[in-house]
Amino acid sequence: MKKKIVTLQKVIKKNSYINQRLDKILSKIFPNYSRSCFKKWILKGYVSINGKIVNIPKKKIMLLDKLVVKGRIYTKTFYPEKIFLNIIYEDKYLMIINKPCNMVVHPGYGNENKTLLNGLLFYNNLLKLVPRAGIVHRLDKNTTGLLIIAKTIKTYFLLQKMLKFRKIYREYRAIVNGSLFGSGSIKVPISRHFFNRTKMSVSIFGKLSKTYYTVLENFPYHTLLKIFLKTGRTHQIRVHMLYLNYPILGDPLYKKKLFFNKYLNHKTLNILNNFKRQALHAYKLKFLHPITKKIIKIKSLLPEDMQQIIFYLRNNKQI
């Protein structure tokens, strides 16, 4: 871990800031850092007003107050690695990457190297100046498809805000187990699983999550779906489809015993069992470019493994 000292200062001259909370105003003035980050710094005595340490996040601000922050951030050092990136759109402010299966987006426990972040740092060294090397949102390791990468700090925070207020349309394709018809929505809360902390689950104590789906094609015991998200919780689609009793084909984490397996012939069962990842693909992105205001609309073809499964199910109706 590496310690970085952050020094910030500002004299309050806006009338709209008067009588506002200290932590709230600091996050407005210095948007590179979150309100929760400033709250921690205030409680640790890293923030002063007019030369006096303040330990109260809700302290009210007055006109001409001089705010000084001397915060501490502990960071890990991530190293550039030469990794192929399938970039399908790029300009001065952002790019869109088509992520393959088996690629981790951000380094973590057990996955310190060969991640998308490492590859981004090699591709563009200036991304080290942007939070998370510009990674605005994530996909699971074995989920394929489109990801937005910000190339500047300003673009990063604008895109984060757009995600928060659901201004980015994200559409997926999924093959699920079971015959589903029509279209519908799933609106149930999701939280960390109580016992298995690597999983998420439906829980009354979780955050409200909304998933919408439409059937694109039916097979005897499987369905191809178009899915789009209103919220972006961890593993949201995978958890919601399991909750609906139509788990995603091949999902190693969110699965259930399937009654129809006994009706499948040996060849079909073997093909389906050999699909070792969730059949989920981030297919489409649509949003207003935060800087140029141009409409960005990008689609990504289904990966070959999903295309092969669909081809087989489509051409083997009698299974």
Protein backbone atom coordinates (compact mmCIF):
# COMPACT_ATOMS: atom_id res chain seq x y z
CA MET A 1 0.00 0.00 0.00
CA LYS A 2 1.18 3.49 -0.83
CA LYS A 3 0.18 6.62 1.14
CA LYS A 4 -0.70 9.74 -0.83
CA ILE A 5 -1.19 13.13 0.83
CA VAL A 6 -4.02 15.18 -0.69
CA THR A 7 -3.92 18.94 -0.03
CA LEU A 8 -6.94 21.05 -1.00
CA GLN A 9 -7.99 24.57 -0.08
CA LYS A 10 -10.77 26.99 -0.95
CA VAL A 11 -12.20 30.29 0.31
CA ILE A 12 -16.01 30.31 0.31
CA LYS A 13 -17.35 33.14 -1.88
CA LYS A 14 -20.66 31.70 -3.12
CA ASN A 15 -23.78 32.74 -1.21
CA SER A 16 -25.39 29.40 -2.10
CA TYR A 17 -22.78 27.62 0.06
CA ILE A 18 -23.65 29.54 3.22
CA ASN A 19 -25.18 27.44 6.02
CA GLN A 20 -24.55 24.23 4.09
CA ARG A 21 -22.89 21.16 5.60
CA LEU A 22 -19.10 21.04 5.45
CA ASP A 23 -18.89 17.52 3.96
CA LYS A 24 -21.51 18.34 1.34
CA ILE A 25 -19.82 21.56 0.22
CA LEU A 26 -16.38 19.95 0.05
CA SER A 27 -17.72 17.25 -2.27
CA LYS A 28 -19.25 19.95 -4.48
CA ILE A 29 -16.07 22.04 -4.61
CA PHE A 30 -13.77 19.04 -5.12
CA PRO A 31 -15.83 16.49 -7.13
CA ASN A 32 -12.84 14.14 -7.53
CA TYR A 33 -13.56 12.94 -3.99
CA SER A 34 -16.85 11.63 -2.60
CA ARG A 35 -18.84 13.05 0.27
CA SER A 36 -18.20 9.90 2.33
CA CYS A 37 -14.46 10.38 1.76
CA PHE A 38 -14.62 13.95 3.08
CA LYS A 39 -16.72 12.80 6.05
CA LYS A 40 -13.97 10.34 7.03
CA TRP A 41 -11.29 13.00 6.66
CA ILE A 42 -13.29 15.44 8.80
CA LEU A 43 -13.77 12.86 11.57
CA LYS A 44 -10.02 12.10 11.51
CA GLY A 45 -9.11 15.77 11.91
CA TYR A 46 -7.77 16.34 8.40
CA VAL A 47 -10.00 19.37 7.70
CA SER A 48 -9.75 22.89 9.09
CA ILE A 49 -11.82 26.04 8.81
CA ASN A 50 -9.94 29.32 9.22
CA GLY A 51 -6.98 27.48 10.73
CA LYS A 52 -8.98 25.47 13.30
CA ILE A 53 -9.47 21.69 13.00
CA VAL A 54 -13.13 20.73 12.58
CA ASN A 55 -14.36 17.21 13.48
CA ILE A 56 -18.04 17.72 12.68
CA PRO A 57 -19.18 16.80 9.13
CA LYS A 58 -22.44 18.77 9.52
CA LYS A 59 -20.62 21.97 10.55
CA LYS A 60 -22.22 24.93 8.74
CA ILE A 61 -20.18 27.00 6.28
CA MET A 62 -20.04 30.82 6.39
CA LEU A 63 -19.06 33.39 3.78
CA LEU A 64 -15.26 33.86 3.41
CA ASP A 65 -14.48 30.72 5.43
CA LYS A 66 -11.12 29.27 4.39
CA LEU A 67 -11.33 25.50 4.06
CA VAL A 68 -8.14 23.44 4.08
CA VAL A 69 -8.03 19.66 3.60
CA LYS A 70 -4.93 17.54 4.18
CA GLY A 71 -6.29 14.09 3.51
CA ARG A 72 -4.56 10.74 3.22
CA ILE A 73 -5.32 8.11 0.61
CA TYR A 74 -3.84 4.63 0.64
CA THR A 75 -3.51 3.25 -2.85
CA LYS A 76 -2.25 0.13 -4.56
CA THR A 77 0.09 0.41 -7.49
CA PHE A 78 -1.21 -1.22 -10.66
CA TYR A 79 1.18 -1.93 -13.49
CA PRO A 80 0.66 -1.64 -17.25
CA GLU A 81 0.44 -4.94 -19.12
CA LYS A 82 0.25 -5.53 -22.84
CA ILE A 83 -3.21 -7.00 -23.29
CA PHE A 84 -5.31 -6.94 -26.45
CA LEU A 85 -8.24 -4.54 -26.15
CA ASN A 86 -11.08 -4.77 -28.65
CA ILE A 87 -11.82 -1.04 -28.95
CA ILE A 88 -14.89 -0.42 -31.09
CA TYR A 89 -15.27 3.33 -30.46
CA GLU A 90 -12.82 6.01 -29.34
CA ASP A 91 -12.51 9.81 -29.28
CA LYS A 92 -10.60 12.31 -27.12
CA TYR A 93 -12.87 11.83 -24.13
CA LEU A 94 -13.95 8.19 -23.95
CA MET A 95 -13.79 4.80 -25.58
CA ILE A 96 -15.98 1.70 -25.69
CA ILE A 97 -14.45 -1.75 -25.35
CA ASN A 98 -15.91 -5.13 -26.27
CA LYS A 99 -14.80 -7.28 -23.31
CA PRO A 100 -14.15 -10.98 -23.96
CA CYS A 101 -14.99 -13.86 -21.65
CA ASN A 102 -12.48 -14.68 -18.90
CA MET A 103 -11.23 -11.11 -18.48
CA VAL A 104 -11.40 -9.52 -15.01
CA VAL A 105 -12.21 -5.81 -15.21
CA HIS A 106 -10.46 -4.52 -12.08
CA PRO A 107 -7.66 -6.10 -9.98
CA GLY A 108 -8.77 -7.71 -6.75
CA TYR A 109 -7.97 -10.58 -4.43
CA GLY A 110 -6.76 -13.48 -6.55
CA ASN A 111 -6.75 -11.38 -9.73
CA GLU A 112 -3.91 -8.89 -9.37
CA ASN A 113 -2.71 -8.99 -13.00
CA LYS A 114 -3.91 -9.39 -16.59
CA THR A 115 -7.05 -7.37 -15.94
CA LEU A 116 -8.71 -4.80 -18.17
CA LEU A 117 -7.28 -2.06 -15.93
CA ASN A 118 -3.72 -3.31 -16.51
CA GLY A 119 -4.34 -3.34 -20.23
CA LEU A 120 -5.77 0.18 -20.20
CA LEU A 121 -2.69 1.54 -18.41
CA PHE A 122 -0.49 0.01 -21.11
CA TYR A 123 -2.67 1.32 -23.94
CA ASN A 124 -2.79 4.89 -22.61
CA ASN A 125 -0.43 5.88 -19.79
CA LEU A 126 -2.47 9.05 -19.09
CA LEU A 127 -5.31 6.88 -17.78
CA LYS A 128 -3.32 6.54 -14.54
CA LEU A 129 -4.55 10.09 -13.79
CA VAL A 130 -8.21 9.04 -14.06
CA PRO A 131 -9.96 7.14 -11.22
CA ARG A 132 -9.96 3.36 -11.87
CA ALA A 133 -8.08 4.04 -15.13
CA GLY A 134 -11.35 5.38 -16.52
CA ILE A 135 -13.49 2.28 -15.87
CA VAL A 136 -16.99 3.70 -15.40
CA HIS A 137 -18.91 0.45 -14.83
CA ARG A 138 -18.08 -3.24 -14.72
CA LEU A 139 -18.98 -6.63 -16.14
CA ASP A 140 -18.40 -9.93 -14.40
CA LYS A 141 -15.32 -11.91 -15.43
CA ASN A 142 -17.27 -14.27 -17.70
CA THR A 143 -19.88 -11.81 -18.95
CA THR A 144 -18.96 -10.46 -22.38
CA GLY A 145 -19.75 -7.20 -24.11
CA LEU A 146 -19.62 -3.43 -24.04
CA LEU A 147 -17.88 -1.28 -21.42
CA ILE A 148 -17.42 2.50 -21.33
CA ILE A 149 -13.98 3.88 -20.44
CA ALA A 150 -13.47 7.58 -19.64
CA LYS A 151 -10.22 9.16 -20.82
CA THR A 152 -10.38 12.33 -18.70
CA ILE A 153 -11.35 13.04 -15.10
CA LYS A 154 -14.17 15.35 -16.18
CA THR A 155 -15.63 12.71 -18.50
CA TYR A 156 -15.33 10.07 -15.77
CA PHE A 157 -17.42 12.01 -13.26
CA LEU A 158 -19.98 13.09 -15.87
CA LEU A 159 -20.47 9.46 -16.94
CA GLN A 160 -20.73 8.37 -13.30
CA LYS A 161 -23.49 10.94 -12.82
CA MET A 162 -25.25 9.73 -15.98
CA LEU A 163 -25.18 6.15 -14.66
CA LYS A 164 -26.52 7.26 -11.31
CA PHE A 165 -29.46 9.05 -12.93
CA ARG A 166 -30.03 6.24 -15.47
CA LYS A 167 -29.07 8.28 -18.52
CA ILE A 168 -27.16 5.40 -20.12
CA TYR A 169 -29.22 2.70 -21.80
CA ARG A 170 -27.66 -0.77 -21.35
CA GLU A 171 -29.16 -3.72 -23.16
CA TYR A 172 -28.13 -7.36 -22.76
CA ARG A 173 -28.73 -10.70 -24.44
CA ALA A 174 -29.14 -13.80 -22.29
CA ILE A 175 -29.99 -17.46 -22.83
CA VAL A 176 -31.97 -18.75 -19.87
CA ASN A 177 -33.07 -22.21 -18.78
CA GLY A 178 -36.80 -22.75 -19.19
CA SER A 179 -39.52 -21.58 -21.57
CA LEU A 180 -40.41 -17.97 -20.88
CA PHE A 181 -43.02 -16.04 -22.88
CA GLY A 182 -43.80 -12.41 -23.62
CA SER A 183 -42.13 -9.68 -21.63
CA GLY A 184 -42.04 -8.55 -18.04
CA SER A 185 -40.11 -6.93 -15.24
CA ILE A 186 -38.49 -7.93 -11.97
CA LYS A 187 -38.52 -5.36 -9.18
CA VAL A 188 -37.07 -6.83 -6.01
CA PRO A 189 -34.24 -5.65 -3.72
CA ILE A 190 -30.76 -7.19 -3.84
CA SER A 191 -28.08 -7.33 -1.14
CA ARG A 192 -24.93 -9.29 -0.30
CA HIS A 193 -25.69 -12.93 0.47
CA PHE A 194 -25.83 -13.47 4.23
CA PHE A 195 -23.61 -16.57 4.26
CA ASN A 196 -21.70 -16.58 0.95
CA ARG A 197 -20.13 -13.13 0.62
CA THR A 198 -19.10 -13.72 -3.00
CA LYS A 199 -22.79 -13.90 -3.97
CA MET A 200 -25.74 -11.54 -4.02
CA SER A 201 -29.33 -12.49 -3.19
CA VAL A 202 -32.85 -11.12 -3.10
CA SER A 203 -33.44 -9.60 0.33
CA ILE A 204 -35.88 -7.19 1.94
CA PHE A 205 -32.81 -5.47 3.41
CA GLY A 206 -31.26 -4.81 -0.02
CA LYS A 207 -31.42 -1.99 -2.53
CA LEU A 208 -34.36 -1.86 -4.92
CA SER A 209 -33.36 -3.31 -8.29
CA LYS A 210 -35.27 -3.23 -11.59
CA THR A 211 -34.75 -5.52 -14.57
CA TYR A 212 -36.90 -5.60 -17.73
CA TYR A 213 -36.95 -8.45 -20.24
CA THR A 214 -38.48 -9.37 -23.60
CA VAL A 215 -38.49 -12.79 -25.24
CA LEU A 216 -36.64 -12.81 -28.58
CA GLU A 217 -36.81 -16.52 -29.38
CA ASN A 218 -38.16 -19.69 -27.78
CA PHE A 219 -36.59 -23.15 -27.88
CA PRO A 220 -38.07 -26.34 -26.35
CA TYR A 221 -36.51 -25.81 -22.91
CA HIS A 222 -34.60 -22.52 -23.26
CA THR A 223 -35.28 -18.89 -24.12
CA LEU A 224 -33.26 -16.08 -25.72
CA LEU A 225 -33.98 -12.79 -23.95
CA LYS A 226 -33.42 -9.09 -24.48
CA ILE A 227 -32.78 -7.52 -21.08
CA PHE A 228 -32.25 -3.96 -19.99
CA LEU A 229 -31.49 -2.49 -16.61
CA LYS A 230 -33.04 0.38 -14.71
CA THR A 231 -30.57 -0.09 -11.87
CA GLY A 232 -27.04 -1.49 -11.83
CA ARG A 233 -26.57 -3.75 -8.82
CA THR A 234 -23.83 -6.36 -8.63
CA HIS A 235 -24.89 -9.58 -10.43
CA GLN A 236 -28.35 -8.04 -10.91
CA ILE A 237 -29.47 -9.91 -14.03
CA ARG A 238 -28.11 -13.22 -12.78
CA VAL A 239 -29.82 -12.89 -9.38
CA HIS A 240 -33.12 -11.69 -10.84
CA MET A 241 -33.35 -14.47 -13.42
CA LEU A 242 -32.70 -17.08 -10.71
CA TYR A 243 -35.37 -15.44 -8.56
CA LEU A 244 -37.78 -15.76 -11.49
CA ASN A 245 -36.82 -19.49 -11.73
CA TYR A 246 -35.22 -19.00 -15.15
CA PRO A 247 -31.50 -19.04 -14.30
CA ILE A 248 -29.02 -18.10 -17.00
CA LEU A 249 -27.60 -21.02 -18.94
CA GLY A 250 -24.15 -22.06 -17.72
CA ASP A 251 -24.13 -19.77 -14.69
CA PRO A 252 -21.81 -21.49 -12.19
CA LEU A 253 -22.90 -19.33 -9.24
CA TYR A 254 -26.64 -18.75 -9.64
CA LYS A 255 -28.12 -22.10 -10.65
CA LYS A 256 -30.81 -24.58 -9.68
CA LYS A 257 -31.70 -28.21 -10.42
CA LEU A 258 -33.51 -28.37 -13.76
CA PHE A 259 -36.49 -30.73 -14.08
CA PHE A 260 -36.29 -30.95 -17.88
CA ASN A 261 -32.76 -32.35 -18.05
CA LYS A 262 -34.22 -35.86 -18.06
CA TYR A 263 -36.01 -35.06 -21.33
CA LEU A 264 -32.86 -33.98 -23.18
CA ASN A 265 -30.91 -36.43 -25.30
CA HIS A 266 -27.31 -37.24 -24.40
CA LYS A 267 -25.78 -35.02 -27.10
CA THR A 268 -27.82 -31.95 -26.14
CA LEU A 269 -27.16 -32.46 -22.44
CA ASN A 270 -23.44 -32.77 -23.11
CA ILE A 271 -23.35 -29.58 -25.21
CA LEU A 272 -25.25 -27.58 -22.59
CA ASN A 273 -23.20 -28.93 -19.67
CA ASN A 274 -19.99 -27.96 -21.46
CA PHE A 275 -21.06 -24.32 -21.59
CA LYS A 276 -19.12 -23.26 -18.49
CA ARG A 277 -20.02 -19.60 -18.13
CA GLN A 278 -23.17 -17.51 -17.82
CA ALA A 279 -24.67 -16.98 -21.29
CA LEU A 280 -24.90 -13.23 -20.80
CA HIS A 281 -23.68 -10.51 -23.16
CA ALA A 282 -23.75 -6.70 -22.87
CA TYR A 283 -25.16 -6.12 -26.35
CA LYS A 284 -26.00 -2.43 -26.72
CA LEU A 285 -25.15 0.99 -25.29
CA LYS A 286 -26.95 4.23 -26.04
CA PHE A 287 -26.27 7.59 -24.41
CA LEU A 288 -25.67 11.27 -25.04
CA HIS A 289 -21.94 11.97 -25.16
CA PRO A 290 -21.23 14.01 -21.99
CA ILE A 291 -18.87 16.42 -23.81
CA THR A 292 -19.78 16.56 -27.52
CA LYS A 293 -23.52 15.93 -26.92
CA LYS A 294 -23.50 13.51 -29.83
CA ILE A 295 -25.76 10.44 -29.52
CA ILE A 296 -23.57 7.34 -29.09
CA LYS A 297 -25.25 4.10 -30.13
CA ILE A 298 -23.09 0.97 -30.19
CA LYS A 299 -23.99 -2.69 -30.66
CA SER A 300 -21.81 -5.77 -30.19
CA LEU A 301 -22.41 -9.08 -31.93
CA LEU A 302 -22.98 -12.08 -29.71
CA PRO A 303 -19.74 -13.95 -28.97
CA GLU A 304 -19.13 -17.14 -30.90
CA ASP A 305 -19.90 -19.50 -28.00
CA MET A 306 -23.38 -18.02 -27.52
CA GLN A 307 -24.01 -18.02 -31.27
CA GLN A 308 -23.14 -21.72 -31.43
CA ILE A 309 -25.54 -22.58 -28.59
CA ILE A 310 -28.35 -20.61 -30.24
CA PHE A 311 -27.66 -22.25 -33.61
CA TYR A 312 -27.79 -25.70 -32.02
CA LEU A 313 -31.01 -25.02 -30.06
CA ARG A 314 -32.64 -23.45 -33.14
CA ASN A 315 -31.80 -26.39 -35.39
CA ASN A 316 -32.50 -29.18 -32.92
CA LYS A 317 -36.12 -28.61 -31.98
CA GLN A 318 -36.67 -32.30 -31.31
CA ILE A 319 -34.37 -32.78 -28.35
